[in-house]
Amino acid sequence: MGLKATVRANKAGCLDQCEHGPNVVVYPEAVWYGKVTPADVDEILQQHIQQGKPVERLQIAESCINNKECPHRKSST
């Protein structure tokens, strides 16, 4: 896609969002994507990186990022 000078992919753990994993974060916007499959990567690259439009269906709700009260988080009790 000719994005080598623009995009850098780093391997990481679940980024403390394991309940939403596998995760992708796009900076500098800090858009978090959850439950990403290999089939979703091209859509993220084309729609978000090239066209500047986040892929809404994959976005993790802002209210869930680093929130122990996120309804997707399993109770540890």
Protein backbone atom coordinates (compact mmCIF):
# COMPACT_ATOMS: atom_id res chain seq x y z
CA MET A 1 0.00 0.00 0.00
CA GLY A 2 3.05 2.27 0.03
CA LEU A 3 2.65 3.11 3.72
CA LYS A 4 6.05 2.03 4.97
CA ALA A 5 7.16 5.59 5.75
CA THR A 6 3.82 6.34 7.47
CA VAL A 7 2.92 3.17 9.38
CA ARG A 8 4.86 1.19 11.94
CA ALA A 9 3.41 -1.99 13.39
CA ASN A 10 4.63 -3.06 16.82
CA LYS A 11 3.87 -6.32 18.56
CA ALA A 12 2.51 -5.94 22.08
CA GLY A 13 0.50 -7.78 24.67
CA CYS A 14 -3.17 -6.98 25.24
CA LEU A 15 -2.35 -3.38 26.28
CA ASP A 16 -4.40 -3.92 29.46
CA GLN A 17 -7.51 -4.38 27.34
CA CYS A 18 -7.47 -8.18 27.23
CA GLU A 19 -11.26 -8.44 27.24
CA HIS A 20 -11.28 -6.64 23.87
CA GLY A 21 -8.34 -8.45 22.26
CA PRO A 22 -6.74 -8.80 19.85
CA ASN A 23 -6.31 -5.04 19.88
CA VAL A 24 -4.94 -2.41 17.53
CA VAL A 25 -4.29 1.22 18.48
CA VAL A 26 -3.80 3.89 15.84
CA TYR A 27 -1.77 6.93 16.89
CA PRO A 28 -1.65 9.89 17.04
CA GLU A 29 -5.47 9.77 17.25
CA ALA A 30 -5.40 7.00 19.90
CA VAL A 31 -8.24 5.11 18.25
CA TRP A 32 -8.57 1.69 19.84
CA TYR A 33 -9.88 -1.29 17.90
CA GLY A 34 -10.90 -4.55 19.52
CA LYS A 35 -11.49 -8.15 18.48
CA VAL A 36 -9.44 -7.44 15.35
CA THR A 37 -8.90 -10.36 12.98
CA PRO A 38 -6.34 -10.60 10.18
CA ALA A 39 -9.24 -9.98 7.78
CA ASP A 40 -9.86 -6.56 9.44
CA VAL A 41 -6.33 -5.21 8.92
CA ASP A 42 -6.78 -4.15 5.29
CA GLU A 43 -10.00 -2.31 6.21
CA ILE A 44 -8.22 -0.43 9.02
CA LEU A 45 -5.33 0.47 6.71
CA GLN A 46 -7.54 1.58 3.83
CA GLN A 47 -10.36 3.31 5.70
CA HIS A 48 -8.54 4.76 8.71
CA ILE A 49 -4.94 5.24 7.66
CA GLN A 50 -5.48 6.18 4.01
CA GLN A 51 -8.91 7.87 4.19
CA GLY A 52 -8.82 9.19 7.77
CA LYS A 53 -12.12 7.53 8.76
CA PRO A 54 -11.99 5.23 11.80
CA VAL A 55 -13.66 1.83 11.37
CA GLU A 56 -16.58 2.29 13.74
CA ARG A 57 -17.63 -1.37 13.91
CA LEU A 58 -14.25 -2.30 15.42
CA GLN A 59 -13.77 0.64 17.78
CA ILE A 60 -13.63 0.03 21.51
CA ALA A 61 -15.93 2.45 23.30
CA GLU A 62 -14.00 5.28 24.92
CA SER A 63 -15.85 4.50 28.16
CA CYS A 64 -14.23 1.04 28.22
CA ILE A 65 -10.59 2.06 27.75
CA ASN A 66 -8.71 1.52 31.02
CA ASN A 67 -11.98 1.30 32.94
CA LYS A 68 -12.38 -1.43 35.56
CA GLU A 69 -16.15 -0.91 35.31
CA CYS A 70 -16.28 -1.77 31.59
CA PRO A 71 -19.19 -4.20 31.10
CA HIS A 72 -16.97 -6.40 28.90
CA ARG A 73 -14.55 -7.05 31.75
CA LYS A 74 -15.14 -10.29 33.58
CA SER A 75 -15.51 -10.00 37.31
CA SER A 76 -12.49 -11.24 39.23
CA THR A 77 -14.61 -12.22 42.24
